[in-house]
PDB file of N, CA and C in Angstrom:
ATOM      1  N   UNK A   1       0.816  -1.208  -0.035  1.00  0.00           N
ATOM      2  CA  UNK A   1      -0.004   0.017  -0.004  1.00  0.00           C
ATOM      3  C   UNK A   1       0.893   1.283   0.012  1.00  0.00           C
ATOM      4  N   UNK A   2       1.957   1.174   0.796  1.00  0.00           N
ATOM      5  CA  UNK A   2       2.817   2.415   0.844  1.00  0.00           C
ATOM      6  C   UNK A   2       3.475   2.718  -0.496  1.00  0.00           C
ATOM      7  N   UNK A   3       3.863   1.676  -1.195  1.00  0.00           N
ATOM      8  CA  UNK A   3       4.469   1.885  -2.512  1.00  0.00           C
ATOM      9  C   UNK A   3       3.469   2.413  -3.478  1.00  0.00           C
ATOM     10  N   UNK A   4       2.289   1.939  -3.477  1.00  0.00           N
ATOM     11  CA  UNK A   4       1.198   2.458  -4.305  1.00  0.00           C
ATOM     12  C   UNK A   4       0.891   3.880  -3.979  1.00  0.00           C
ATOM     13  N   UNK A   5       0.837   4.230  -2.669  1.00  0.00           N
ATOM     14  CA  UNK A   5       0.571   5.597  -2.265  1.00  0.00           C
ATOM     15  C   UNK A   5       1.708   6.520  -2.711  1.00  0.00           C
ATOM     16  N   UNK A   6       2.953   6.062  -2.606  1.00  0.00           N
ATOM     17  CA  UNK A   6       4.104   6.868  -3.038  1.00  0.00           C
ATOM     18  C   UNK A   6       4.025   7.140  -4.570  1.00  0.00           C
ATOM     19  N   UNK A   7       3.642   6.148  -5.356  1.00  0.00           N
ATOM     20  CA  UNK A   7       3.504   6.298  -6.802  1.00  0.00           C
ATOM     21  C   UNK A   7       2.397   7.355  -7.083  1.00  0.00           C
ATOM     22  N   UNK A   8       1.302   7.251  -6.349  1.00  0.00           N
ATOM     23  CA  UNK A   8       0.176   8.214  -6.537  1.00  0.00           C
ATOM     24  C   UNK A   8       0.609   9.640  -6.226  1.00  0.00           C
ATOM     25  N   UNK A   9       1.397   9.767  -5.162  1.00  0.00           N
ATOM     26  CA  UNK A   9       1.877  11.115  -4.788  1.00  0.00           C
ATOM     27  C   UNK A   9       2.781  11.675  -5.925  1.00  0.00           C
ATOM     28  N   UNK A  10       3.648  10.801  -6.464  1.00  0.00           N
ATOM     29  CA  UNK A  10       4.505  11.271  -7.590  1.00  0.00           C
ATOM     30  C   UNK A  10       3.652  11.758  -8.763  1.00  0.00           C
ATOM     31  N   UNK A  11       2.674  10.926  -9.105  1.00  0.00           N
ATOM     32  CA  UNK A  11       1.764  11.282 -10.189  1.00  0.00           C
ATOM     33  C   UNK A  11       1.016  12.565  -9.934  1.00  0.00           C
ATOM     34  N   UNK A  12       0.554  12.782  -8.700  1.00  0.00           N
ATOM     35  CA  UNK A  12      -0.127  14.061  -8.367  1.00  0.00           C
ATOM     36  C   UNK A  12       0.829  15.232  -8.566  1.00  0.00           C
ATOM     37  N   UNK A  13       2.099  15.041  -8.164  1.00  0.00           N
ATOM     38  CA  UNK A  13       3.120  16.120  -8.425  1.00  0.00           C
ATOM     39  C   UNK A  13       3.284  16.359  -9.875  1.00  0.00           C
ATOM     40  N   UNK A  14       3.278  15.348 -10.702  1.00  0.00           N
ATOM     41  CA  UNK A  14       3.380  15.532 -12.173  1.00  0.00           C
ATOM     42  C   UNK A  14       2.221  16.333 -12.667  1.00  0.00           C
ATOM     43  N   UNK A  15       1.017  15.975 -12.271  1.00  0.00           N
ATOM     44  CA  UNK A  15      -0.204  16.723 -12.746  1.00  0.00           C
ATOM     45  C   UNK A  15      -0.142  18.150 -12.254  1.00  0.00           C
ATOM     46  N   UNK A  16       0.273  18.394 -11.027  1.00  0.00           N
ATOM     47  CA  UNK A  16       0.418  19.767 -10.529  1.00  0.00           C
ATOM     48  C   UNK A  16       1.335  20.616 -11.382  1.00  0.00           C
ATOM     49  N   UNK A  17       2.454  19.996 -11.750  1.00  0.00           N
ATOM     50  CA  UNK A  17       3.465  20.690 -12.493  1.00  0.00           C
ATOM     51  C   UNK A  17       2.873  21.044 -13.945  1.00  0.00           C
ATOM     52  N   UNK A  18       2.224  20.103 -14.559  1.00  0.00           N
ATOM     53  CA  UNK A  18       1.541  20.401 -15.888  1.00  0.00           C
ATOM     54  C   UNK A  18       0.504  21.490 -15.736  1.00  0.00           C
ATOM     55  N   UNK A  19      -0.309  21.397 -14.755  1.00  0.00           N
ATOM     56  CA  UNK A  19      -1.342  22.405 -14.568  1.00  0.00           C
ATOM     57  C   UNK A  19      -0.796  23.778 -14.255  1.00  0.00           C
ATOM     58  N   UNK A  20       0.286  23.842 -13.533  1.00  0.00           N
ATOM     59  CA  UNK A  20       0.936  25.129 -13.290  1.00  0.00           C
ATOM     60  C   UNK A  20       1.472  25.742 -14.571  1.00  0.00           C
ATOM     61  N   UNK A  21       2.096  24.874 -15.458  1.00  0.00           N
ATOM     62  CA  UNK A  21       2.576  25.321 -16.777  1.00  0.00           C
ATOM     63  C   UNK A  21       1.401  25.815 -17.595  1.00  0.00           C
ATOM     64  N   UNK A  22       0.271  25.070 -17.561  1.00  0.00           N
ATOM     65  CA  UNK A  22      -0.895  25.444 -18.353  1.00  0.00           C
ATOM     66  C   UNK A  22      -1.414  26.802 -17.829  1.00  0.00           C
ATOM     67  N   UNK A  23      -1.415  27.012 -16.563  1.00  0.00           N
ATOM     68  CA  UNK A  23      -1.898  28.322 -16.038  1.00  0.00           C
ATOM     69  C   UNK A  23      -0.985  29.461 -16.422  1.00  0.00           C
ATOM     70  N   UNK A  24       0.358  29.225 -16.385  1.00  0.00           N
ATOM     71  CA  UNK A  24       1.268  30.250 -16.734  1.00  0.00           C
ATOM     72  C   UNK A  24       1.094  30.639 -18.236  1.00  0.00           C
ATOM     73  N   UNK A  25       0.893  29.617 -19.051  1.00  0.00           N
ATOM     74  CA  UNK A  25       0.679  29.928 -20.519  1.00  0.00           C
ATOM     75  C   UNK A  25      -0.667  30.692 -20.716  1.00  0.00           C
ATOM     76  N   UNK A  26      -1.703  30.321 -19.948  1.00  0.00           N
ATOM     77  CA  UNK A  26      -2.996  31.024 -20.020  1.00  0.00           C
ATOM     78  C   UNK A  26      -2.830  32.470 -19.677  1.00  0.00           C
ATOM     79  N   UNK A  27      -2.032  32.736 -18.596  1.00  0.00           N
ATOM     80  CA  UNK A  27      -1.795  34.163 -18.178  1.00  0.00           C
ATOM     81  C   UNK A  27      -1.095  34.925 -19.339  1.00  0.00           C
ATOM     82  N   UNK A  28      -0.185  34.271 -20.039  1.00  0.00           N
ATOM     83  CA  UNK A  28       0.530  34.914 -21.170  1.00  0.00           C
ATOM     84  C   UNK A  28      -0.552  35.332 -22.247  1.00  0.00           C
ATOM     85  N   UNK A  29      -1.397  34.432 -22.546  1.00  0.00           N
ATOM     86  CA  UNK A  29      -2.449  34.636 -23.619  1.00  0.00           C
ATOM     87  C   UNK A  29      -3.398  35.741 -23.167  1.00  0.00           C
ATOM     88  N   UNK A  30      -3.818  35.728 -21.919  1.00  0.00           N
ATOM     89  CA  UNK A  30      -4.706  36.756 -21.403  1.00  0.00           C
ATOM     90  C   UNK A  30      -4.076  38.154 -21.501  1.00  0.00           C
ATOM     91  N   UNK A  31      -2.745  38.271 -21.321  1.00  0.00           N
ATOM     92  CA  UNK A  31      -2.099  39.549 -21.310  1.00  0.00           C
ATOM     93  C   UNK A  31      -1.838  40.030 -22.748  1.00  0.00           C
ATOM     94  N   UNK A  32      -2.136  39.262 -23.761  1.00  0.00           N
ATOM     95  CA  UNK A  32      -1.874  39.659 -25.198  1.00  0.00           C
ATOM     96  C   UNK A  32      -2.968  40.632 -25.711  1.00  0.00           C
ATOM     97  N   UNK A  33      -2.520  41.502 -26.526  1.00  0.00           N
ATOM     98  CA  UNK A  33      -3.455  42.365 -27.221  1.00  0.00           C
ATOM     99  C   UNK A  33      -4.102  41.626 -28.414  1.00  0.00           C
ATOM    100  N   UNK A  34      -5.118  42.244 -29.017  1.00  0.00           N
ATOM    101  CA  UNK A  34      -5.793  41.622 -30.134  1.00  0.00           C
ATOM    102  C   UNK A  34      -4.825  41.363 -31.285  1.00  0.00           C
ATOM    103  N   UNK A  35      -3.971  42.331 -31.515  1.00  0.00           N
ATOM    104  CA  UNK A  35      -2.927  42.194 -32.595  1.00  0.00           C
ATOM    105  C   UNK A  35      -1.991  41.018 -32.283  1.00  0.00           C
ATOM    106  N   UNK A  36      -1.577  40.869 -31.044  1.00  0.00           N
ATOM    107  CA  UNK A  36      -0.706  39.775 -30.681  1.00  0.00           C
ATOM    108  C   UNK A  36      -1.346  38.415 -30.799  1.00  0.00           C
ATOM    109  N   UNK A  37      -2.664  38.366 -30.475  1.00  0.00           N
ATOM    110  CA  UNK A  37      -3.405  37.140 -30.607  1.00  0.00           C
ATOM    111  C   UNK A  37      -3.499  36.639 -32.044  1.00  0.00           C
ATOM    112  N   UNK A  38      -3.399  37.564 -32.994  1.00  0.00           N
ATOM    113  CA  UNK A  38      -3.470  37.166 -34.394  1.00  0.00           C
ATOM    114  C   UNK A  38      -2.094  36.648 -34.957  1.00  0.00           C
ATOM    115  N   UNK A  39      -1.052  36.719 -34.146  1.00  0.00           N
ATOM    116  CA  UNK A  39       0.250  36.280 -34.574  1.00  0.00           C
ATOM    117  C   UNK A  39       0.401  34.758 -34.414  1.00  0.00           C
ATOM    118  N   UNK A  40       1.281  34.143 -35.194  1.00  0.00           N
ATOM    119  CA  UNK A  40       1.513  32.659 -35.120  1.00  0.00           C
ATOM    120  C   UNK A  40       2.007  32.230 -33.740  1.00  0.00           C
ATOM    121  N   UNK A  41       2.737  33.085 -33.033  1.00  0.00           N
ATOM    122  CA  UNK A  41       3.226  32.616 -31.690  1.00  0.00           C
ATOM    123  C   UNK A  41       2.043  32.442 -30.732  1.00  0.00           C
ATOM    124  N   UNK A  42       0.945  33.075 -30.859  1.00  0.00           N
ATOM    125  CA  UNK A  42      -0.166  32.805 -29.982  1.00  0.00           C
ATOM    126  C   UNK A  42      -0.769  31.447 -30.238  1.00  0.00           C
ATOM    127  N   UNK A  43      -0.759  31.009 -31.516  1.00  0.00           N
ATOM    128  CA  UNK A  43      -1.148  29.662 -31.823  1.00  0.00           C
ATOM    129  C   UNK A  43      -0.240  28.589 -31.177  1.00  0.00           C
ATOM    130  N   UNK A  44       1.100  28.886 -31.151  1.00  0.00           N
ATOM    131  CA  UNK A  44       1.983  28.028 -30.475  1.00  0.00           C
ATOM    132  C   UNK A  44       1.701  27.918 -28.994  1.00  0.00           C
ATOM    133  N   UNK A  45       1.323  29.032 -28.359  1.00  0.00           N
ATOM    134  CA  UNK A  45       0.983  29.026 -26.967  1.00  0.00           C
ATOM    135  C   UNK A  45      -0.299  28.230 -26.760  1.00  0.00           C
ATOM    136  N   UNK A  46      -1.277  28.363 -27.595  1.00  0.00           N
ATOM    137  CA  UNK A  46      -2.497  27.523 -27.512  1.00  0.00           C
ATOM    138  C   UNK A  46      -2.225  26.081 -27.643  1.00  0.00           C
ATOM    139  N   UNK A  47      -1.355  25.721 -28.527  1.00  0.00           N
ATOM    140  CA  UNK A  47      -0.928  24.305 -28.753  1.00  0.00           C
ATOM    141  C   UNK A  47      -0.259  23.772 -27.463  1.00  0.00           C
ATOM    142  N   UNK A  48       0.566  24.658 -26.876  1.00  0.00           N
ATOM    143  CA  UNK A  48       1.262  24.254 -25.643  1.00  0.00           C
ATOM    144  C   UNK A  48       0.266  24.004 -24.528  1.00  0.00           C
ATOM    145  N   UNK A  49      -0.794  24.864 -24.495  1.00  0.00           N
ATOM    146  CA  UNK A  49      -1.847  24.581 -23.472  1.00  0.00           C
ATOM    147  C   UNK A  49      -2.508  23.298 -23.661  1.00  0.00           C
ATOM    148  N   UNK A  50      -2.835  22.913 -24.911  1.00  0.00           N
ATOM    149  CA  UNK A  50      -3.487  21.663 -25.199  1.00  0.00           C
ATOM    150  C   UNK A  50      -2.524  20.522 -24.802  1.00  0.00           C
ATOM    151  N   UNK A  51      -1.246  20.648 -25.060  1.00  0.00           N
ATOM    152  CA  UNK A  51      -0.337  19.606 -24.711  1.00  0.00           C
ATOM    153  C   UNK A  51      -0.248  19.415 -23.194  1.00  0.00           C
ATOM    154  N   UNK A  52      -0.176  20.540 -22.444  1.00  0.00           N
ATOM    155  CA  UNK A  52      -0.109  20.473 -21.001  1.00  0.00           C
ATOM    156  C   UNK A  52      -1.364  19.847 -20.394  1.00  0.00           C
ATOM    157  N   UNK A  53      -2.509  20.232 -20.946  1.00  0.00           N
ATOM    158  CA  UNK A  53      -3.754  19.646 -20.452  1.00  0.00           C
ATOM    159  C   UNK A  53      -3.825  18.133 -20.714  1.00  0.00           C
ATOM    160  N   UNK A  54      -3.404  17.744 -21.964  1.00  0.00           N
ATOM    161  CA  UNK A  54      -3.397  16.264 -22.236  1.00  0.00           C
ATOM    162  C   UNK A  54      -2.457  15.536 -21.320  1.00  0.00           C
ATOM    163  N   UNK A  55      -1.236  16.088 -21.120  1.00  0.00           N
ATOM    164  CA  UNK A  55      -0.334  15.467 -20.198  1.00  0.00           C
ATOM    165  C   UNK A  55      -0.891  15.293 -18.765  1.00  0.00           C
ATOM    166  N   UNK A  56      -1.512  16.307 -18.299  1.00  0.00           N
ATOM    167  CA  UNK A  56      -2.118  16.259 -16.996  1.00  0.00           C
ATOM    168  C   UNK A  56      -3.190  15.196 -16.931  1.00  0.00           C
ATOM    169  N   UNK A  57      -3.908  15.024 -18.005  1.00  0.00           N
ATOM    170  CA  UNK A  57      -4.988  14.025 -18.014  1.00  0.00           C
ATOM    171  C   UNK A  57      -4.477  12.564 -18.178  1.00  0.00           C
ATOM    172  N   UNK A  58      -3.592  12.354 -19.195  1.00  0.00           N
ATOM    173  CA  UNK A  58      -3.192  11.001 -19.504  1.00  0.00           C
ATOM    174  C   UNK A  58      -1.720  10.700 -19.170  1.00  0.00           C
ATOM    175  N   UNK A  59      -0.917  11.707 -18.984  1.00  0.00           N
ATOM    176  CA  UNK A  59       0.507  11.518 -18.743  1.00  0.00           C
ATOM    177  C   UNK A  59       1.284  11.664 -20.033  1.00  0.00           C
ATOM    178  N   UNK A  60       2.579  11.411 -19.863  1.00  0.00           N
ATOM    179  CA  UNK A  60       3.496  11.444 -21.063  1.00  0.00           C
ATOM    180  C   UNK A  60       4.700  10.607 -20.760  1.00  0.00           C
ATOM    181  N   UNK A  61       5.469  10.280 -21.815  1.00  0.00           N
ATOM    182  CA  UNK A  61       6.703   9.525 -21.591  1.00  0.00           C
ATOM    183  C   UNK A  61       7.776  10.590 -21.470  1.00  0.00           C
ATOM    184  N   UNK A  62       8.584  10.372 -20.374  1.00  0.00           N
ATOM    185  CA  UNK A  62       9.669  11.317 -20.107  1.00  0.00           C
ATOM    186  C   UNK A  62      10.769  11.103 -21.107  1.00  0.00           C
ATOM    187  N   UNK A  63      11.163  12.120 -21.863  1.00  0.00           N
ATOM    188  CA  UNK A  63      12.129  11.932 -22.940  1.00  0.00           C
ATOM    189  C   UNK A  63      13.533  11.562 -22.473  1.00  0.00           C
ATOM    190  N   UNK A  64      13.818  11.964 -21.234  1.00  0.00           N
ATOM    191  CA  UNK A  64      15.182  11.725 -20.727  1.00  0.00           C
ATOM    192  C   UNK A  64      15.333  10.226 -20.188  1.00  0.00           C
ATOM    193  N   UNK A  65      14.263   9.731 -19.522  1.00  0.00           N
ATOM    194  CA  UNK A  65      14.350   8.400 -18.956  1.00  0.00           C
ATOM    195  C   UNK A  65      13.620   7.364 -19.751  1.00  0.00           C
ATOM    196  N   UNK A  66      12.658   7.766 -20.593  1.00  0.00           N
ATOM    197  CA  UNK A  66      11.849   6.834 -21.330  1.00  0.00           C
ATOM    198  C   UNK A  66      10.739   6.204 -20.471  1.00  0.00           C
ATOM    199  N   UNK A  67      10.558   6.695 -19.229  1.00  0.00           N
ATOM    200  CA  UNK A  67       9.555   6.163 -18.396  1.00  0.00           C
ATOM    201  C   UNK A  67       8.311   6.970 -18.494  1.00  0.00           C
ATOM    202  N   UNK A  68       7.179   6.327 -18.186  1.00  0.00           N
ATOM    203  CA  UNK A  68       5.872   7.038 -18.228  1.00  0.00           C
ATOM    204  C   UNK A  68       5.682   7.938 -17.018  1.00  0.00           C
ATOM    205  N   UNK A  69       5.355   9.193 -17.236  1.00  0.00           N
ATOM    206  CA  UNK A  69       4.971  10.052 -16.141  1.00  0.00           C
ATOM    207  C   UNK A  69       3.419  10.066 -16.089  1.00  0.00           C
ATOM    208  N   UNK A  70       2.849   9.605 -15.051  1.00  0.00           N
ATOM    209  CA  UNK A  70       1.357   9.323 -15.042  1.00  0.00           C
ATOM    210  C   UNK A  70       0.592  10.618 -14.815  1.00  0.00           C
ATOM    211  N   UNK A  71      -0.679  10.521 -15.335  1.00  0.00           N
ATOM    212  CA  UNK A  71      -1.618  11.617 -15.215  1.00  0.00           C
ATOM    213  C   UNK A  71      -2.822  11.294 -14.420  1.00  0.00           C
ATOM    214  N   UNK A  72      -3.843  12.110 -14.481  1.00  0.00           N
ATOM    215  CA  UNK A  72      -5.047  11.923 -13.675  1.00  0.00           C
ATOM    216  C   UNK A  72      -5.776  10.569 -13.944  1.00  0.00           C
ATOM    217  N   UNK A  73      -5.817  10.117 -15.173  1.00  0.00           N
ATOM    218  CA  UNK A  73      -6.528   8.831 -15.360  1.00  0.00           C
ATOM    219  C   UNK A  73      -5.828   7.694 -14.612  1.00  0.00           C
ATOM    220  N   UNK A  74      -4.525   7.696 -14.586  1.00  0.00           N
ATOM    221  CA  UNK A  74      -3.792   6.648 -13.837  1.00  0.00           C
ATOM    222  C   UNK A  74      -4.034   6.835 -12.349  1.00  0.00           C
ATOM    223  N   UNK A  75      -4.062   8.027 -11.854  1.00  0.00           N
ATOM    224  CA  UNK A  75      -4.260   8.310 -10.429  1.00  0.00           C
ATOM    225  C   UNK A  75      -5.630   7.759 -10.081  1.00  0.00           C
ATOM    226  N   UNK A  76      -6.627   8.061 -10.910  1.00  0.00           N
ATOM    227  CA  UNK A  76      -7.996   7.608 -10.643  1.00  0.00           C
ATOM    228  C   UNK A  76      -8.052   6.053 -10.457  1.00  0.00           C
ATOM    229  N   UNK A  77      -7.441   5.376 -11.381  1.00  0.00           N
ATOM    230  CA  UNK A  77      -7.423   3.876 -11.354  1.00  0.00           C
ATOM    231  C   UNK A  77      -6.747   3.362 -10.091  1.00  0.00           C
ATOM    232  N   UNK A  78      -5.613   4.007  -9.757  1.00  0.00           N
ATOM    233  CA  UNK A  78      -4.819   3.429  -8.606  1.00  0.00           C
ATOM    234  C   UNK A  78      -5.338   3.930  -7.230  1.00  0.00           C
ATOM    235  N   UNK A  79      -6.047   4.940  -7.177  1.00  0.00           N
ATOM    236  CA  UNK A  79      -6.678   5.355  -5.910  1.00  0.00           C
ATOM    237  C   UNK A  79      -7.722   4.326  -5.460  1.00  0.00           C
ATOM    238  N   UNK A  80      -8.345   3.694  -6.356  1.00  0.00           N
ATOM    239  CA  UNK A  80      -9.308   2.640  -6.055  1.00  0.00           C
ATOM    240  C   UNK A  80      -8.670   1.469  -5.331  1.00  0.00           C
ATOM    241  N   UNK A  81      -7.430   1.187  -5.639  1.00  0.00           N
ATOM    242  CA  UNK A  81      -6.739   0.084  -4.959  1.00  0.00           C
ATOM    243  C   UNK A  81      -6.466   0.389  -3.508  1.00  0.00           C
ATOM    244  N   UNK A  82      -6.377   1.665  -3.135  1.00  0.00           N
ATOM    245  CA  UNK A  82      -6.184   2.034  -1.724  1.00  0.00           C
ATOM    246  C   UNK A  82      -7.445   1.891  -0.958  1.00  0.00           C
ATOM    247  N   UNK A  83      -8.579   1.900  -1.613  1.00  0.00           N
ATOM    248  CA  UNK A  83      -9.916   1.813  -0.979  1.00  0.00           C
ATOM    249  C   UNK A  83     -10.181   0.409  -0.543  1.00  0.00           C
ATOM    250  N   UNK A  84      -9.530  -0.575  -1.016  1.00  0.00           N
ATOM    251  CA  UNK A  84      -9.763  -1.989  -0.661  1.00  0.00           C
ATOM    252  C   UNK A  84      -8.705  -2.442   0.349  1.00  0.00           C
ATOM    253  N   UNK A  85      -9.231  -3.128   1.387  1.00  0.00           N
ATOM    254  CA  UNK A  85      -8.274  -3.650   2.393  1.00  0.00           C
ATOM    255  C   UNK A  85      -8.854  -4.969   2.786  1.00  0.00           C
ATOM    256  N   UNK A  86      -7.957  -6.002   2.786  1.00  0.00           N
ATOM    257  CA  UNK A  86      -8.312  -7.315   3.188  1.00  0.00           C
ATOM    258  C   UNK A  86      -8.179  -7.424   4.679  1.00  0.00           C
ATOM    259  N   UNK A  87      -9.248  -7.896   5.346  1.00  0.00           N
ATOM    260  CA  UNK A  87      -9.285  -7.991   6.776  1.00  0.00           C
ATOM    261  C   UNK A  87      -9.360  -9.480   7.118  1.00  0.00           C
ATOM    262  N   UNK A  88      -8.472  -9.935   7.934  1.00  0.00           N
ATOM    263  CA  UNK A  88      -8.510 -11.327   8.380  1.00  0.00           C
ATOM    264  C   UNK A  88      -8.452 -11.375   9.908  1.00  0.00           C
ATOM    265  N   UNK A  89      -8.936 -12.473  10.389  1.00  0.00           N
ATOM    266  CA  UNK A  89      -8.910 -12.651  11.882  1.00  0.00           C
ATOM    267  C   UNK A  89      -7.548 -12.988  12.359  1.00  0.00           C
ATOM    268  N   UNK A  90      -7.101 -12.376  13.442  1.00  0.00           N
ATOM    269  CA  UNK A  90      -5.806 -12.667  14.023  1.00  0.00           C
ATOM    270  C   UNK A  90      -6.023 -13.598  15.178  1.00  0.00           C
ATOM    271  N   UNK A  91      -5.306 -14.705  15.201  1.00  0.00           N
ATOM    272  CA  UNK A  91      -5.401 -15.694  16.298  1.00  0.00           C
ATOM    273  C   UNK A  91      -4.025 -15.900  16.849  1.00  0.00           C
ATOM    274  N   UNK A  92      -3.876 -15.704  18.138  1.00  0.00           N
ATOM    275  CA  UNK A  92      -2.561 -15.954  18.754  1.00  0.00           C
ATOM    276  C   UNK A  92      -2.840 -16.549  20.164  1.00  0.00           C
ATOM    277  N   UNK A  93      -1.948 -17.473  20.526  1.00  0.00           N
ATOM    278  CA  UNK A  93      -2.143 -18.091  21.846  1.00  0.00           C
ATOM    279  C   UNK A  93      -1.550 -17.226  22.892  1.00  0.00           C
ATOM    280  N   UNK A  94      -2.274 -17.148  24.016  1.00  0.00           N
ATOM    281  CA  UNK A  94      -1.781 -16.362  25.142  1.00  0.00           C
ATOM    282  C   UNK A  94      -1.900 -14.864  24.936  1.00  0.00           C
ATOM    283  N   UNK A  95      -2.740 -14.507  23.971  1.00  0.00           N
ATOM    284  CA  UNK A  95      -2.883 -13.067  23.712  1.00  0.00           C
ATOM    285  C   UNK A  95      -4.009 -12.498  24.599  1.00  0.00           C
ATOM    286  N   UNK A  96      -4.130 -11.205  24.659  1.00  0.00           N
ATOM    287  CA  UNK A  96      -5.190 -10.585  25.403  1.00  0.00           C
ATOM    288  C   UNK A  96      -6.514 -10.949  24.731  1.00  0.00           C
ATOM    289  N   UNK A  97      -7.594 -10.636  25.399  1.00  0.00           N
ATOM    290  CA  UNK A  97      -8.902 -10.987  24.743  1.00  0.00           C
ATOM    291  C   UNK A  97      -9.048 -10.435  23.347  1.00  0.00           C
ATOM    292  N   UNK A  98      -9.646 -11.240  22.492  1.00  0.00           N
ATOM    293  CA  UNK A  98      -9.788 -10.823  21.069  1.00  0.00           C
ATOM    294  C   UNK A  98     -11.142 -10.195  20.925  1.00  0.00           C
ATOM    295  N   UNK A  99     -11.221  -9.267  19.924  1.00  0.00           N
ATOM    296  CA  UNK A  99     -12.420  -8.611  19.592  1.00  0.00           C
ATOM    297  C   UNK A  99     -13.377  -9.645  18.979  1.00  0.00           C
ATOM    298  N   UNK A 100     -12.859 -10.466  18.126  1.00  0.00           N
ATOM    299  CA  UNK A 100     -13.659 -11.555  17.505  1.00  0.00           C
ATOM    300  C   UNK A 100     -13.198 -12.820  18.221  1.00  0.00           C
ATOM    301  N   UNK A 101     -14.053 -13.491  18.957  1.00  0.00           N
ATOM    302  CA  UNK A 101     -13.648 -14.715  19.638  1.00  0.00           C
ATOM    303  C   UNK A 101     -13.179 -15.762  18.715  1.00  0.00           C
ATOM    304  N   UNK A 102     -12.160 -16.519  19.168  1.00  0.00           N
ATOM    305  CA  UNK A 102     -11.637 -17.618  18.436  1.00  0.00           C
ATOM    306  C   UNK A 102     -12.634 -18.775  18.544  1.00  0.00           C
ATOM    307  N   UNK A 103     -13.215 -19.179  17.454  1.00  0.00           N
ATOM    308  CA  UNK A 103     -14.185 -20.293  17.472  1.00  0.00           C
ATOM    309  C   UNK A 103     -13.526 -21.571  16.982  1.00  0.00           C
ATOM    310  N   UNK A 104     -12.239 -21.510  16.715  1.00  0.00           N
ATOM    311  CA  UNK A 104     -11.554 -22.771  16.252  1.00  0.00           C
ATOM    312  C   UNK A 104     -11.109 -23.657  17.399  1.00  0.00           C
ATOM    313  N   UNK A 105     -11.020 -23.175  18.596  1.00  0.00           N
ATOM    314  CA  UNK A 105     -10.567 -24.014  19.694  1.00  0.00           C
ATOM    315  C   UNK A 105     -11.746 -24.374  20.582  1.00  0.00           C
ATOM    316  N   UNK A 106     -11.682 -25.529  21.178  1.00  0.00           N
ATOM    317  CA  UNK A 106     -12.683 -25.939  22.090  1.00  0.00           C
ATOM    318  C   UNK A 106     -12.056 -26.193  23.490  1.00  0.00           C
ATOM    319  N   UNK A 107     -12.804 -25.923  24.430  1.00  0.00           N
ATOM    320  CA  UNK A 107     -12.328 -26.085  25.840  1.00  0.00           C
ATOM    321  C   UNK A 107     -13.229 -27.029  26.518  1.00  0.00           C
ATOM    322  N   UNK A 108     -12.645 -28.050  27.153  1.00  0.00           N
ATOM    323  CA  UNK A 108     -13.406 -29.045  27.830  1.00  0.00           C
ATOM    324  C   UNK A 108     -13.385 -28.709  29.290  1.00  0.00           C
ATOM    325  N   UNK A 109     -14.495 -28.682  29.992  1.00  0.00           N
ATOM    326  CA  UNK A 109     -14.528 -28.500  31.410  1.00  0.00           C
ATOM    327  C   UNK A 109     -14.926 -29.802  32.048  1.00  0.00           C
ATOM    328  N   UNK A 110     -14.197 -30.089  33.162  1.00  0.00           N
ATOM    329  CA  UNK A 110     -14.629 -31.292  33.951  1.00  0.00           C
ATOM    330  C   UNK A 110     -14.895 -30.805  35.346  1.00  0.00           C
ATOM    331  N   UNK A 111     -15.856 -31.349  35.903  1.00  0.00           N
ATOM    332  CA  UNK A 111     -16.159 -31.067  37.291  1.00  0.00           C
ATOM    333  C   UNK A 111     -16.143 -32.316  38.102  1.00  0.00           C
ATOM    334  N   UNK A 112     -15.567 -32.290  39.262  1.00  0.00           N
ATOM    335  CA  UNK A 112     -15.612 -33.472  40.104  1.00  0.00           C
ATOM    336  C   UNK A 112     -16.545 -33.119  41.316  1.00  0.00           C
ATOM    337  N   UNK A 113     -17.243 -34.076  41.645  1.00  0.00           N
ATOM    338  CA  UNK A 113     -18.120 -33.870  42.760  1.00  0.00           C
ATOM    339  C   UNK A 113     -17.717 -34.800  43.891  1.00  0.00           C
TER     340      UNK A 113
END
């Protein structure tokens, strides 16, 4: 579970980075004049925003390591694995009283009169 949680945290950090880049690019576009918006470089900024949004959603392959940097869809799938937990009964001899009584052992009582 800890390993899975650590991977999810890494993926959340990836998504945060992409969304921060997306926001920074959006701020640049908002600051542009109408004349600047008609220039080809504004189209490049819009394409960059689309790329950042896609990366945040599905992830991307890191060009330096070749490993997949996960996005929101991966996080969604793996968060569900943290929601399941297998619970089993713990039985130990000489232990303090159990919350769930041990029904596997039998005790015979004898009384002498």
